[in-house]
Amino acid sequence: MVKGIKNIAPPLKVGIAGLGVVGAGVVRLLDQQADILAARAGRPIKVVAVSARDRRKKRDMPKGNWRWFEKAADLAKDPEVDVVVELIGGADGPARALVEAALSAGKGVVTANKAMLAMHGAKIAALAEANNAPLAFEAAVAGGIPIVKALREGLIGNRVEQITGILNGTCNYILTEMRTTGRDFGEVLAEAQKLGYAEADPSFDIDGVDAAHKLTVLTSLAFNTKADFKAVHVEGIRHVSAIDIAFASEFGYRIKLLAIARRTPRGIEQRVHPCMVPHDTPIAHVDGVFNAVSAVGDYVGRVMFEGRGAGSNPTASAVVADLADIAAGRTAPAFGVPAMKLQPLKAAPMAERVGRYYIRLIVRDQPGVLADVSAVLRDHKISIESLVQRGRAEAENQPVAVVLISHDAREADMERALKRIAKLRSVLKPPALIRIEPL
């Protein structure tokens, strides 16, 4: 019996699939915070079964007398399990099979699986509702930041206009280190891998896919639409160089990989890409491995959440918050409204985005280059706000960097202009483009 709690309800019995750093963190948190969780949830939360590939592996968590299952899907068949915690990962495969089996059996599901929700969120939510089984996923987006609960409950009286987030700690760490040390992307990435901030294959992070999965989930929550990952415009940070970081500072900006979902007259924008954000905005100062999410509601205005977006303890905190809600009977439709009321996403074309742009060119230092570039921009109705050439080449025709900041322009016009500029004989490398977001 939990100390100080009388006449307490029977425990919520949990089965955990995946005992990696997050799974071990969940077990550890449930053990160390058992008393306060029981008091706040109205009943104890107890792990009774687990599924993990290696029983002999040493893990940073207390030992328990659990039932072990070789196949994760077998947790769904265990009559003693009330709620399944899915921490396997992957949009399909064992993770999806487990979640669907558990929901079909009427068991609650808590998951940290942003890829699965981004790809199959509406179907899984419908399955949960059909079987009167709770589905919760606070840990799927931004680790320990309670943004899912904020959108689903705290901002329930608002029409959300925009979500803006730093949703990938690896990219934020790399961009922060590039700014503070002056080193280039490849060197900082290698260091991030040594420190464990980046995977051996970092593609999902640095190419923007991880952030796009999370944005898809937030879009569904914020705008009551069906998750549509394919509608997200996705770019990563591989092309951001130390010279871009330096120019950004000179112009009064910092570069961040932002995930943006915005209501427009043409539909909902969903885009993930590097952005220059004004130095004096709060999100510009979210550094290192931290995440941040800003939401704009018609009644509340702008609100912002910041915290650790990954790691054992922050993510475990989010998982356990969902378990406590289920234990206390605090449940709601997973995406804020019943699955049948989620609307198909009307995607705003990326080509119609209007804003300012930073353009970096590597050109031959010779007469007429800037005139040629300006002529192309003029032909596509793009005007230049400022232009900087850094230094002069030691000899004619040697490369130099030229940076332009445009006035507001359409994405489609900018894209066509850059294709023409890239074909100029004086331009030695493909133009680099970073969008400017005023926030």
Foldseek 3Di string as FASTA:
>chain_A
DAPPDPPADEEQEEEEEDCDLQVQLLQACLVVCQNVLCVLLRHGHYYAEYEDCDPPDDDDHDDDPHHYDPQLLCVLVDPNHQEYEYDPEDLDDSRVSNLLSNLQSQHAYEYLHLNVCLVCVLVSLQSNVVSVHFYAHQLVWQFQWRVLCCLQPVCLVFQWFKKKKQTFQLQQQQLQCCLVPVAWRVVSNVVCCVVVSAPPPRCCRQQAVSVLSNLLLVCCQNHVARRDSVLEATGGCNPPTSVNQVVLVVVQWGKGFMWMWGQDPQFIYTYTDIATEGCPDPVRPQHHSKMKMWIATPPPGIDMIIDHRDGRNRSSNSSVVVVSCVSNVNGDRHSNDRSVRHHHGRYRDLQADKAKKKKKFKFWQDPPLVVVLCVLCVVLVKAWPDKDWDDGDPDGGHITMIMTIIGIDGNNSVVVSQVVSCPDPGTDDRMDMHTYDHD
